[in-house]
Amino acid sequence: MKVIALEGPSYAGKSTAINHLRSSGIEKRGFVSDCYVKHIAHRDDIPPARTGSAAEQLAAFERFMVIEGARVRSALASGKPVVILDRSIDTLLAHAHALDALFGYGVHHQLRDRLQELPFLRPDHTVYLDVPAEVLGLRRKRAGHTAAESDYFLHEAAFLDHARDYFLSGVQPPVSREVVAIPADTTPAEIAQAVESLVAFWTR
């Protein structure tokens, strides 16, 4: 089973790329899983992006790992040779890495240890959609989100920098066996085509 994940900040183009793969027929031979938050029925049950303590961050990780366990079971039950993930376990670790750097929670190593006891899908390949912060802000506005960027934690410059660092610096190796970054400051169609080309190459 080949596991391929799409990563990158919110509004990078992951969902658009996933939808393009679906329209191109990937589900005939692949299991596709949406982002973690789409598996939570009630919006109020989604853990906050900006947790208030190390204990809250650990609890958020456990909440998302319930979903990850369900994704593992669904992927295995599908019997399909390709698995496409809109975000992976590395999303959770990148988030923890960023909060450790910003607030000194010191939970990242605890989460790594916890993974030894939990089922999860380890990506063979990860596509990281690399987008400048200013482009992300413009995309939010075009999507109708009028709140100031300063009120949106996932687009705060420091958070974006640390989360990106997790995937691309090599200092804190991701779980994925391979991470390939592609510039994603182009059109949604161009991003989707670039992702489709990589998926085709990895699954040929």
N, C-alpha and C. Protein backbone atom coordinates (compact mmCIF):
# COMPACT_ATOMS: atom_id res chain seq x y z
N MET A 1 0.84 -1.19 0.00
CA MET A 1 0.00 0.00 0.00
C MET A 1 0.88 1.25 0.00
N LYS A 2 0.66 2.13 -0.96
CA LYS A 2 1.41 3.38 -1.08
C LYS A 2 0.59 4.51 -0.45
N VAL A 3 1.18 5.21 0.52
CA VAL A 3 0.49 6.30 1.21
C VAL A 3 1.11 7.63 0.79
N ILE A 4 0.27 8.51 0.26
CA ILE A 4 0.71 9.83 -0.20
C ILE A 4 -0.10 10.90 0.54
N ALA A 5 0.60 11.87 1.13
CA ALA A 5 -0.06 12.92 1.90
C ALA A 5 0.15 14.29 1.26
N LEU A 6 -0.85 15.14 1.42
CA LEU A 6 -0.73 16.54 1.03
C LEU A 6 -0.65 17.38 2.30
N GLU A 7 0.36 18.23 2.37
CA GLU A 7 0.56 19.08 3.53
C GLU A 7 0.76 20.53 3.09
N GLY A 8 0.69 21.42 4.05
CA GLY A 8 0.86 22.84 3.79
C GLY A 8 -0.11 23.62 4.64
N PRO A 9 0.05 24.93 4.71
CA PRO A 9 -0.83 25.74 5.55
C PRO A 9 -2.26 25.78 5.04
N SER A 10 -3.15 26.19 5.91
CA SER A 10 -4.54 26.37 5.51
C SER A 10 -4.62 27.36 4.35
N TYR A 11 -5.42 27.02 3.34
CA TYR A 11 -5.59 27.80 2.11
C TYR A 11 -4.44 27.62 1.13
N ALA A 12 -3.63 26.58 1.32
CA ALA A 12 -2.53 26.33 0.38
C ALA A 12 -3.02 25.69 -0.91
N GLY A 13 -4.17 25.00 -0.87
CA GLY A 13 -4.69 24.36 -2.08
C GLY A 13 -4.82 22.85 -1.98
N LYS A 14 -4.72 22.33 -0.76
CA LYS A 14 -4.79 20.87 -0.58
C LYS A 14 -6.14 20.31 -0.98
N SER A 15 -7.21 20.91 -0.49
CA SER A 15 -8.54 20.38 -0.78
C SER A 15 -8.86 20.46 -2.27
N THR A 16 -8.44 21.55 -2.92
CA THR A 16 -8.66 21.68 -4.36
C THR A 16 -7.92 20.57 -5.12
N ALA A 17 -6.69 20.29 -4.69
CA ALA A 17 -5.91 19.23 -5.34
C ALA A 17 -6.55 17.86 -5.12
N ILE A 18 -7.04 17.62 -3.90
CA ILE A 18 -7.73 16.36 -3.60
C ILE A 18 -8.97 16.21 -4.49
N ASN A 19 -9.74 17.28 -4.60
CA ASN A 19 -10.96 17.22 -5.43
C ASN A 19 -10.59 16.97 -6.89
N HIS A 20 -9.49 17.54 -7.34
CA HIS A 20 -9.04 17.30 -8.73
C HIS A 20 -8.66 15.84 -8.91
N LEU A 21 -7.96 15.27 -7.94
CA LEU A 21 -7.60 13.85 -8.04
C LEU A 21 -8.85 12.98 -8.09
N ARG A 22 -9.85 13.34 -7.29
CA ARG A 22 -11.10 12.58 -7.29
C ARG A 22 -11.77 12.68 -8.66
N SER A 23 -11.81 13.86 -9.23
CA SER A 23 -12.47 14.03 -10.53
C SER A 23 -11.69 13.33 -11.64
N SER A 24 -10.41 13.08 -11.38
CA SER A 24 -9.58 12.38 -12.36
C SER A 24 -9.64 10.87 -12.21
N GLY A 25 -10.42 10.39 -11.23
CA GLY A 25 -10.64 8.96 -11.09
C GLY A 25 -9.73 8.24 -10.13
N ILE A 26 -9.05 8.98 -9.23
CA ILE A 26 -8.12 8.33 -8.31
C ILE A 26 -8.81 7.31 -7.41
N GLU A 27 -10.11 7.52 -7.13
CA GLU A 27 -10.80 6.63 -6.20
C GLU A 27 -11.10 5.24 -6.80
N LYS A 28 -10.85 5.08 -8.09
CA LYS A 28 -11.01 3.76 -8.68
C LYS A 28 -9.94 2.81 -8.16
N ARG A 29 -8.79 3.36 -7.80
CA ARG A 29 -7.70 2.51 -7.30
C ARG A 29 -7.12 3.00 -5.98
N GLY A 30 -7.68 4.08 -5.44
CA GLY A 30 -7.13 4.64 -4.22
C GLY A 30 -8.18 5.00 -3.19
N PHE A 31 -7.79 4.90 -1.92
CA PHE A 31 -8.62 5.36 -0.81
C PHE A 31 -8.22 6.80 -0.52
N VAL A 32 -9.20 7.69 -0.45
CA VAL A 32 -8.94 9.11 -0.21
C VAL A 32 -9.57 9.53 1.11
N SER A 33 -8.77 10.18 1.97
CA SER A 33 -9.28 10.64 3.26
C SER A 33 -9.18 12.15 3.36
N ASP A 34 -10.28 12.77 3.77
CA ASP A 34 -10.31 14.22 3.94
C ASP A 34 -9.54 14.64 5.19
N CYS A 35 -9.34 15.94 5.30
CA CYS A 35 -8.65 16.54 6.45
C CYS A 35 -9.32 16.13 7.77
N TYR A 36 -8.52 16.08 8.82
CA TYR A 36 -9.01 15.68 10.14
C TYR A 36 -10.30 16.40 10.55
N VAL A 37 -10.33 17.72 10.37
CA VAL A 37 -11.46 18.48 10.88
C VAL A 37 -12.77 18.10 10.19
N LYS A 38 -12.69 17.57 8.96
CA LYS A 38 -13.90 17.18 8.25
C LYS A 38 -14.50 15.89 8.82
N HIS A 39 -13.76 15.22 9.69
CA HIS A 39 -14.26 14.01 10.33
C HIS A 39 -14.93 14.30 11.67
N ILE A 40 -14.96 15.56 12.06
CA ILE A 40 -15.59 15.95 13.33
C ILE A 40 -16.95 16.57 13.02
N ALA A 41 -18.00 15.95 13.54
CA ALA A 41 -19.36 16.34 13.16
C ALA A 41 -19.72 17.75 13.59
N HIS A 42 -19.33 18.15 14.79
CA HIS A 42 -19.72 19.46 15.32
C HIS A 42 -18.51 20.36 15.42
N ARG A 43 -18.61 21.52 14.81
CA ARG A 43 -17.48 22.45 14.76
C ARG A 43 -16.95 22.79 16.15
N ASP A 44 -17.83 22.89 17.11
CA ASP A 44 -17.40 23.25 18.47
C ASP A 44 -16.54 22.16 19.12
N ASP A 45 -16.56 20.96 18.54
CA ASP A 45 -15.76 19.87 19.09
C ASP A 45 -14.34 19.84 18.56
N ILE A 46 -14.04 20.69 17.57
CA ILE A 46 -12.70 20.74 17.01
C ILE A 46 -11.77 21.41 18.02
N PRO A 47 -10.67 20.78 18.41
CA PRO A 47 -9.74 21.42 19.34
C PRO A 47 -9.23 22.75 18.79
N PRO A 48 -8.99 23.73 19.65
CA PRO A 48 -8.53 25.04 19.17
C PRO A 48 -7.14 24.95 18.55
N ALA A 49 -6.90 25.77 17.53
CA ALA A 49 -5.58 25.80 16.91
C ALA A 49 -4.54 26.32 17.90
N ARG A 50 -4.95 27.28 18.69
CA ARG A 50 -4.06 27.87 19.70
C ARG A 50 -4.47 27.34 21.06
N THR A 51 -3.90 26.21 21.44
CA THR A 51 -4.21 25.64 22.76
C THR A 51 -3.57 26.49 23.84
N GLY A 52 -4.14 26.41 25.05
CA GLY A 52 -3.70 27.29 26.13
C GLY A 52 -2.65 26.71 27.05
N SER A 53 -2.29 25.44 26.84
CA SER A 53 -1.32 24.81 27.73
C SER A 53 -0.80 23.53 27.09
N ALA A 54 0.25 23.00 27.67
CA ALA A 54 0.78 21.72 27.19
C ALA A 54 -0.27 20.63 27.35
N ALA A 55 -1.00 20.64 28.46
CA ALA A 55 -2.03 19.62 28.69
C ALA A 55 -3.11 19.69 27.62
N GLU A 56 -3.52 20.90 27.24
CA GLU A 56 -4.53 21.05 26.18
C GLU A 56 -3.99 20.55 24.84
N GLN A 57 -2.72 20.78 24.58
CA GLN A 57 -2.15 20.33 23.31
C GLN A 57 -2.06 18.81 23.27
N LEU A 58 -1.72 18.19 24.37
CA LEU A 58 -1.69 16.73 24.44
C LEU A 58 -3.09 16.16 24.24
N ALA A 59 -4.10 16.80 24.84
CA ALA A 59 -5.48 16.34 24.70
C ALA A 59 -5.95 16.49 23.25
N ALA A 60 -5.56 17.59 22.59
CA ALA A 60 -5.93 17.80 21.19
C ALA A 60 -5.32 16.70 20.31
N PHE A 61 -4.08 16.36 20.59
CA PHE A 61 -3.43 15.29 19.84
C PHE A 61 -4.19 13.98 19.99
N GLU A 62 -4.57 13.65 21.20
CA GLU A 62 -5.31 12.40 21.42
C GLU A 62 -6.64 12.41 20.69
N ARG A 63 -7.29 13.56 20.65
CA ARG A 63 -8.58 13.68 19.95
C ARG A 63 -8.39 13.38 18.46
N PHE A 64 -7.37 13.97 17.87
CA PHE A 64 -7.13 13.75 16.46
C PHE A 64 -6.64 12.33 16.17
N MET A 65 -5.97 11.72 17.13
CA MET A 65 -5.49 10.36 16.91
C MET A 65 -6.62 9.34 16.90
N VAL A 66 -7.75 9.67 17.49
CA VAL A 66 -8.94 8.82 17.36
C VAL A 66 -9.36 8.79 15.89
N ILE A 67 -9.32 9.96 15.25
CA ILE A 67 -9.65 10.05 13.83
C ILE A 67 -8.59 9.31 13.01
N GLU A 68 -7.32 9.47 13.38
CA GLU A 68 -6.25 8.79 12.64
C GLU A 68 -6.43 7.28 12.70
N GLY A 69 -6.80 6.77 13.87
CA GLY A 69 -7.04 5.34 13.98
C GLY A 69 -8.15 4.87 13.06
N ALA A 70 -9.19 5.69 12.93
CA ALA A 70 -10.30 5.34 12.03
C ALA A 70 -9.83 5.39 10.58
N ARG A 71 -8.96 6.31 10.25
CA ARG A 71 -8.43 6.39 8.89
C ARG A 71 -7.60 5.14 8.56
N VAL A 72 -6.82 4.69 9.54
CA VAL A 72 -6.03 3.47 9.35
C VAL A 72 -6.95 2.29 9.04
N ARG A 73 -8.00 2.14 9.84
CA ARG A 73 -8.92 1.02 9.63
C ARG A 73 -9.61 1.10 8.28
N SER A 74 -10.03 2.31 7.89
CA SER A 74 -10.71 2.47 6.61
C SER A 74 -9.79 2.20 5.43
N ALA A 75 -8.55 2.67 5.54
CA ALA A 75 -7.59 2.44 4.47
C ALA A 75 -7.30 0.96 4.29
N LEU A 76 -7.12 0.26 5.39
CA LEU A 76 -6.85 -1.17 5.32
C LEU A 76 -8.06 -1.94 4.78
N ALA A 77 -9.25 -1.54 5.23
CA ALA A 77 -10.47 -2.22 4.79
C ALA A 77 -10.74 -2.00 3.30
N SER A 78 -10.29 -0.87 2.77
CA SER A 78 -10.54 -0.58 1.35
C SER A 78 -9.83 -1.56 0.43
N GLY A 79 -8.70 -2.09 0.88
CA GLY A 79 -7.93 -3.02 0.06
C GLY A 79 -7.30 -2.38 -1.17
N LYS A 80 -7.32 -1.05 -1.24
CA LYS A 80 -6.78 -0.37 -2.42
C LYS A 80 -5.29 -0.12 -2.26
N PRO A 81 -4.56 -0.13 -3.37
CA PRO A 81 -3.11 -0.03 -3.30
C PRO A 81 -2.58 1.38 -3.04
N VAL A 82 -3.43 2.40 -3.18
CA VAL A 82 -3.00 3.78 -3.01
C VAL A 82 -3.88 4.46 -1.96
N VAL A 83 -3.25 5.20 -1.06
CA VAL A 83 -3.97 5.98 -0.05
C VAL A 83 -3.55 7.44 -0.21
N ILE A 84 -4.53 8.33 -0.34
CA ILE A 84 -4.28 9.76 -0.46
C ILE A 84 -4.83 10.45 0.78
N LEU A 85 -3.99 11.22 1.47
CA LEU A 85 -4.40 11.88 2.70
C LEU A 85 -4.36 13.39 2.55
N ASP A 86 -5.46 14.05 2.89
CA ASP A 86 -5.48 15.50 3.04
C ASP A 86 -5.03 15.76 4.48
N ARG A 87 -3.75 16.00 4.65
CA ARG A 87 -3.04 16.10 5.94
C ARG A 87 -2.80 14.71 6.52
N SER A 88 -1.69 14.59 7.23
CA SER A 88 -1.29 13.32 7.81
C SER A 88 -0.87 13.51 9.26
N ILE A 89 -0.33 12.46 9.84
CA ILE A 89 0.18 12.53 11.20
C ILE A 89 1.19 13.66 11.34
N ASP A 90 1.90 13.99 10.26
CA ASP A 90 2.88 15.07 10.33
C ASP A 90 2.23 16.44 10.56
N THR A 91 0.97 16.59 10.19
CA THR A 91 0.26 17.83 10.52
C THR A 91 0.24 18.04 12.03
N LEU A 92 -0.09 16.97 12.76
CA LEU A 92 -0.20 17.06 14.21
C LEU A 92 1.16 17.33 14.84
N LEU A 93 2.19 16.71 14.30
CA LEU A 93 3.54 16.90 14.85
C LEU A 93 4.09 18.29 14.49
N ALA A 94 3.79 18.77 13.29
CA ALA A 94 4.23 20.11 12.91
C ALA A 94 3.57 21.17 13.78
N HIS A 95 2.30 20.96 14.08
CA HIS A 95 1.57 21.89 14.94
C HIS A 95 2.21 21.92 16.34
N ALA A 96 2.48 20.74 16.86
CA ALA A 96 3.10 20.66 18.19
C ALA A 96 4.49 21.28 18.17
N HIS A 97 5.24 21.05 17.11
CA HIS A 97 6.57 21.64 16.97
C HIS A 97 6.49 23.16 17.01
N ALA A 98 5.50 23.73 16.30
CA ALA A 98 5.35 25.19 16.27
C ALA A 98 4.97 25.74 17.64
N LEU A 99 4.05 25.06 18.33
CA LEU A 99 3.63 25.54 19.65
C LEU A 99 4.76 25.39 20.67
N ASP A 100 5.55 24.34 20.55
CA ASP A 100 6.72 24.21 21.42
C ASP A 100 7.65 25.41 21.24
N ALA A 101 7.90 25.77 19.97
CA ALA A 101 8.81 26.88 19.68
C ALA A 101 8.24 28.21 20.16
N LEU A 102 6.92 28.38 20.03
CA LEU A 102 6.30 29.66 20.38
C LEU A 102 6.04 29.82 21.87
N PHE A 103 5.63 28.73 22.52
CA PHE A 103 5.15 28.84 23.90
C PHE A 103 5.88 27.94 24.89
N GLY A 104 6.83 27.17 24.40
CA GLY A 104 7.62 26.34 25.31
C GLY A 104 6.88 25.19 25.93
N TYR A 105 5.89 24.62 25.23
CA TYR A 105 5.11 23.53 25.80
C TYR A 105 5.95 22.26 26.02
N GLY A 106 6.86 22.00 25.12
CA GLY A 106 7.72 20.83 25.27
C GLY A 106 6.99 19.51 25.10
N VAL A 107 6.01 19.45 24.17
CA VAL A 107 5.22 18.22 24.03
C VAL A 107 5.61 17.39 22.81
N HIS A 108 6.37 17.97 21.91
CA HIS A 108 6.64 17.25 20.66
C HIS A 108 7.26 15.88 20.90
N HIS A 109 8.24 15.82 21.77
CA HIS A 109 8.89 14.53 22.02
C HIS A 109 7.93 13.55 22.69
N GLN A 110 6.99 14.07 23.49
CA GLN A 110 5.99 13.20 24.11
C GLN A 110 5.07 12.60 23.06
N LEU A 111 4.71 13.39 22.07
CA LEU A 111 3.85 12.88 21.00
C LEU A 111 4.58 11.83 20.18
N ARG A 112 5.84 12.05 19.91
CA ARG A 112 6.64 11.06 19.19
C ARG A 112 6.65 9.72 19.95
N ASP A 113 6.82 9.82 21.27
CA ASP A 113 6.81 8.60 22.08
C ASP A 113 5.44 7.94 22.05
N ARG A 114 4.39 8.74 22.11
CA ARG A 114 3.03 8.22 22.14
C ARG A 114 2.70 7.48 20.84
N LEU A 115 3.27 7.93 19.74
CA LEU A 115 3.01 7.29 18.45
C LEU A 115 3.42 5.82 18.44
N GLN A 116 4.37 5.47 19.27
CA GLN A 116 4.81 4.07 19.31
C GLN A 116 3.70 3.14 19.78
N GLU A 117 2.68 3.71 20.43
CA GLU A 117 1.60 2.91 21.00
C GLU A 117 0.31 3.00 20.18
N LEU A 118 0.30 3.82 19.13
CA LEU A 118 -0.95 4.10 18.41
C LEU A 118 -0.82 3.74 16.93
N PRO A 119 -1.92 3.31 16.31
CA PRO A 119 -1.90 3.06 14.87
C PRO A 119 -1.96 4.38 14.09
N PHE A 120 -1.16 4.46 13.06
CA PHE A 120 -1.21 5.65 12.21
C PHE A 120 -0.68 5.29 10.83
N LEU A 121 -1.04 6.11 9.86
CA LEU A 121 -0.59 5.92 8.48
C LEU A 121 0.69 6.71 8.25
N ARG A 122 1.76 6.01 7.94
CA ARG A 122 3.03 6.69 7.66
C ARG A 122 3.13 6.95 6.17
N PRO A 123 3.15 8.20 5.76
CA PRO A 123 3.24 8.47 4.31
C PRO A 123 4.56 8.00 3.73
N ASP A 124 4.48 7.41 2.55
CA ASP A 124 5.69 7.12 1.80
C ASP A 124 6.21 8.38 1.14
N HIS A 125 5.27 9.23 0.69
CA HIS A 125 5.61 10.49 0.04
C HIS A 125 4.67 11.58 0.56
N THR A 126 5.21 12.77 0.76
CA THR A 126 4.40 13.92 1.15
C THR A 126 4.68 15.07 0.20
N VAL A 127 3.61 15.67 -0.31
CA VAL A 127 3.72 16.90 -1.10
C VAL A 127 3.45 18.07 -0.16
N TYR A 128 4.43 18.93 0.01
CA TYR A 128 4.24 20.12 0.85
C TYR A 128 4.00 21.32 -0.05
N LEU A 129 2.82 21.91 0.06
CA LEU A 129 2.46 23.08 -0.74
C LEU A 129 3.00 24.33 -0.05
N ASP A 130 3.99 24.94 -0.66
CA ASP A 130 4.74 26.04 -0.05
C ASP A 130 4.20 27.37 -0.56
N VAL A 131 3.58 28.14 0.34
CA VAL A 131 2.89 29.37 -0.06
C VAL A 131 3.32 30.53 0.84
N PRO A 132 3.68 31.68 0.28
CA PRO A 132 4.00 32.85 1.09
C PRO A 132 2.79 33.31 1.91
N ALA A 133 3.07 33.87 3.08
CA ALA A 133 2.00 34.28 3.99
C ALA A 133 1.06 35.30 3.35
N GLU A 134 1.61 36.22 2.56
CA GLU A 134 0.75 37.25 1.96
C GLU A 134 -0.24 36.65 0.97
N VAL A 135 0.16 35.59 0.28
CA VAL A 135 -0.74 34.91 -0.66
C VAL A 135 -1.86 34.22 0.11
N LEU A 136 -1.51 33.59 1.23
CA LEU A 136 -2.53 32.95 2.05
C LEU A 136 -3.57 33.96 2.52
N GLY A 137 -3.11 35.13 2.93
CA GLY A 137 -4.03 36.17 3.38
C GLY A 137 -5.00 36.59 2.30
N LEU A 138 -4.49 36.75 1.08
CA LEU A 138 -5.35 37.12 -0.04
C LEU A 138 -6.38 36.03 -0.34
N ARG A 139 -5.97 34.78 -0.22
CA ARG A 139 -6.90 33.68 -0.48
C ARG A 139 -8.01 33.64 0.56
N ARG A 140 -7.67 33.91 1.81
CA ARG A 140 -8.70 33.97 2.85
C ARG A 140 -9.73 35.05 2.54
N LYS A 141 -9.25 36.20 2.12
CA LYS A 141 -10.16 37.30 1.81
C LYS A 141 -11.06 36.95 0.64
N ARG A 142 -10.48 36.34 -0.39
CA ARG A 142 -11.29 35.95 -1.55
C ARG A 142 -12.33 34.91 -1.17
N ALA A 143 -12.02 34.11 -0.16
CA ALA A 143 -12.97 33.08 0.29
C ALA A 143 -14.06 33.67 1.18
N GLY A 144 -13.97 34.98 1.46
CA GLY A 144 -15.02 35.64 2.24
C GLY A 144 -14.74 35.74 3.72
N HIS A 145 -13.52 35.44 4.15
CA HIS A 145 -13.17 35.55 5.56
C HIS A 145 -12.63 36.95 5.81
N THR A 146 -13.39 37.76 6.52
CA THR A 146 -13.05 39.17 6.66
C THR A 146 -12.30 39.50 7.94
N ALA A 147 -12.18 38.55 8.87
CA ALA A 147 -11.45 38.82 10.11
C ALA A 147 -9.99 39.14 9.79
N ALA A 148 -9.40 40.00 10.59
CA ALA A 148 -8.01 40.38 10.38
C ALA A 148 -7.10 39.16 10.48
N GLU A 149 -6.04 39.18 9.68
CA GLU A 149 -5.10 38.06 9.72
C GLU A 149 -4.52 37.88 11.12
N SER A 150 -4.37 38.97 11.85
CA SER A 150 -3.81 38.88 13.20
C SER A 150 -4.71 38.09 14.13
N ASP A 151 -5.99 37.92 13.76
CA ASP A 151 -6.94 37.16 14.57
C ASP A 151 -6.99 35.69 14.16
N TYR A 152 -6.21 35.31 13.16
CA TYR A 152 -6.25 33.95 12.63
C TYR A 152 -4.92 33.28 12.93
N PHE A 153 -4.90 32.49 13.99
CA PHE A 153 -3.64 31.96 14.51
C PHE A 153 -2.87 31.16 13.48
N LEU A 154 -3.57 30.36 12.66
CA LEU A 154 -2.90 29.49 11.70
C LEU A 154 -2.18 30.25 10.60
N HIS A 155 -2.43 31.57 10.49
CA HIS A 155 -1.73 32.39 9.51
C HIS A 155 -0.81 33.40 10.17
N GLU A 156 -0.60 33.31 11.46
CA GLU A 156 0.38 34.18 12.10
C GLU A 156 1.77 33.82 11.58
N ALA A 157 2.56 34.83 11.28
CA ALA A 157 3.85 34.61 10.63
C ALA A 157 4.73 33.64 11.40
N ALA A 158 4.78 33.79 12.71
CA ALA A 158 5.66 32.94 13.51
C ALA A 158 5.20 31.48 13.46
N PHE A 159 3.89 31.26 13.54
CA PHE A 159 3.37 29.89 13.46
C PHE A 159 3.69 29.28 12.10
N LEU A 160 3.44 30.02 11.04
CA LEU A 160 3.70 29.52 9.69
C LEU A 160 5.17 29.16 9.52
N ASP A 161 6.05 30.01 10.03
CA ASP A 161 7.49 29.76 9.89
C ASP A 161 7.90 28.47 10.59
N HIS A 162 7.41 28.27 11.81
CA HIS A 162 7.81 27.08 12.58
C HIS A 162 7.20 25.80 11.98
N ALA A 163 5.95 25.89 11.53
CA ALA A 163 5.32 24.71 10.92
C ALA A 163 6.04 24.34 9.63
N ARG A 164 6.39 25.33 8.83
CA ARG A 164 7.14 25.08 7.59
C ARG A 164 8.51 24.49 7.91
N ASP A 165 9.14 25.01 8.94
CA ASP A 165 10.45 24.53 9.35
C ASP A 165 10.42 23.04 9.67
N TYR A 166 9.33 22.59 10.29
CA TYR A 166 9.22 21.16 10.62
C TYR A 166 9.33 20.30 9.36
N PHE A 167 8.65 20.72 8.30
CA PHE A 167 8.62 19.92 7.08
C PHE A 167 9.89 20.04 6.25
N LEU A 168 10.52 21.21 6.25
CA LEU A 168 11.56 21.48 5.25
C LEU A 168 12.97 21.65 5.79
N SER A 169 13.13 21.87 7.09
CA SER A 169 14.48 22.16 7.60
C SER A 169 15.34 20.91 7.76
N GLY A 170 14.70 19.77 8.03
CA GLY A 170 15.46 18.56 8.27
C GLY A 170 15.96 18.40 9.68
N VAL A 171 15.74 19.41 10.52
CA VAL A 171 16.20 19.35 11.91
C VAL A 171 15.34 18.38 12.71
N GLN A 172 14.03 18.45 12.50
CA GLN A 172 13.07 17.57 13.18
C GLN A 172 12.42 16.70 12.10
N PRO A 173 13.00 15.56 11.77
CA PRO A 173 12.52 14.80 10.61
C PRO A 173 11.05 14.43 10.69
N PRO A 174 10.28 14.72 9.64
CA PRO A 174 8.89 14.28 9.61
C PRO A 174 8.78 12.76 9.63
N VAL A 175 7.58 12.27 9.92
CA VAL A 175 7.32 10.84 9.89
C VAL A 175 7.38 10.33 8.44
N SER A 176 6.91 11.14 7.51
CA SER A 176 6.91 10.75 6.09
C SER A 176 8.32 10.37 5.64
N ARG A 177 8.38 9.36 4.80
CA ARG A 177 9.68 8.91 4.29
C ARG A 177 10.31 9.91 3.33
N GLU A 178 9.47 10.70 2.64
CA GLU A 178 9.98 11.68 1.68
C GLU A 178 9.04 12.88 1.65
N VAL A 179 9.62 14.07 1.69
CA VAL A 179 8.83 15.30 1.57
C VAL A 179 9.34 16.07 0.36
N VAL A 180 8.42 16.38 -0.55
CA VAL A 180 8.74 17.18 -1.73
C VAL A 180 7.94 18.47 -1.66
N ALA A 181 8.63 19.59 -1.66
CA ALA A 181 7.95 20.89 -1.61
C ALA A 181 7.74 21.40 -3.03
N ILE A 182 6.55 21.94 -3.28
CA ILE A 182 6.30 22.59 -4.57
C ILE A 182 5.76 23.99 -4.31
N PRO A 183 6.17 24.97 -5.11
CA PRO A 183 5.62 26.32 -4.96
C PRO A 183 4.12 26.30 -5.22
N ALA A 184 3.37 26.87 -4.30
CA ALA A 184 1.91 26.83 -4.44
C ALA A 184 1.32 28.24 -4.40
N ASP A 185 2.06 29.19 -4.97
CA ASP A 185 1.55 30.56 -5.05
C ASP A 185 1.02 30.85 -6.45
N THR A 186 0.71 29.76 -7.18
CA THR A 186 0.14 29.89 -8.52
C THR A 186 -1.37 29.68 -8.45
N THR A 187 -2.00 29.37 -9.56
CA THR A 187 -3.45 29.19 -9.57
C THR A 187 -3.82 27.83 -8.99
N PRO A 188 -5.05 27.68 -8.47
CA PRO A 188 -5.48 26.37 -7.97
C PRO A 188 -5.34 25.26 -9.00
N ALA A 189 -5.65 25.57 -10.26
CA ALA A 189 -5.56 24.56 -11.31
C ALA A 189 -4.11 24.11 -11.51
N GLU A 190 -3.19 25.05 -11.48
CA GLU A 190 -1.77 24.71 -11.66
C GLU A 190 -1.25 23.88 -10.50
N ILE A 191 -1.68 24.23 -9.29
CA ILE A 191 -1.27 23.46 -8.11
C ILE A 191 -1.80 22.04 -8.21
N ALA A 192 -3.08 21.93 -8.56
CA ALA A 192 -3.70 20.60 -8.68
C ALA A 192 -3.00 19.76 -9.73
N GLN A 193 -2.63 20.36 -10.86
CA GLN A 193 -1.94 19.63 -11.91
C GLN A 193 -0.56 19.15 -11.45
N ALA A 194 0.14 20.01 -10.68
CA ALA A 194 1.46 19.63 -10.17
C ALA A 194 1.35 18.46 -9.20
N VAL A 195 0.33 18.49 -8.35
CA VAL A 195 0.11 17.39 -7.40
C VAL A 195 -0.24 16.12 -8.16
N GLU A 196 -1.12 16.23 -9.15
CA GLU A 196 -1.51 15.06 -9.93
C GLU A 196 -0.30 14.42 -10.62
N SER A 197 0.62 15.23 -11.12
CA SER A 197 1.80 14.70 -11.80
C SER A 197 2.69 13.92 -10.82
N LEU A 198 2.85 14.45 -9.61
CA LEU A 198 3.66 13.75 -8.61
C LEU A 198 3.00 12.43 -8.20
N VAL A 199 1.68 12.48 -7.97
CA VAL A 199 0.97 11.26 -7.59
C VAL A 199 1.09 10.21 -8.68
N ALA A 200 0.96 10.63 -9.93
CA ALA A 200 1.08 9.69 -11.05
C ALA A 200 2.47 9.09 -11.09
N PHE A 201 3.49 9.91 -10.84
CA PHE A 201 4.88 9.42 -10.87
C PHE A 201 5.10 8.39 -9.76
N TRP A 202 4.59 8.67 -8.55
CA TRP A 202 4.82 7.79 -7.41
C TRP A 202 4.01 6.49 -7.48
N THR A 203 2.94 6.48 -8.26
CA THR A 203 2.07 5.31 -8.28
C THR A 203 2.09 4.58 -9.62
N ARG A 204 3.01 4.94 -10.48
CA ARG A 204 3.03 4.29 -11.82
C ARG A 204 3.51 2.84 -11.72
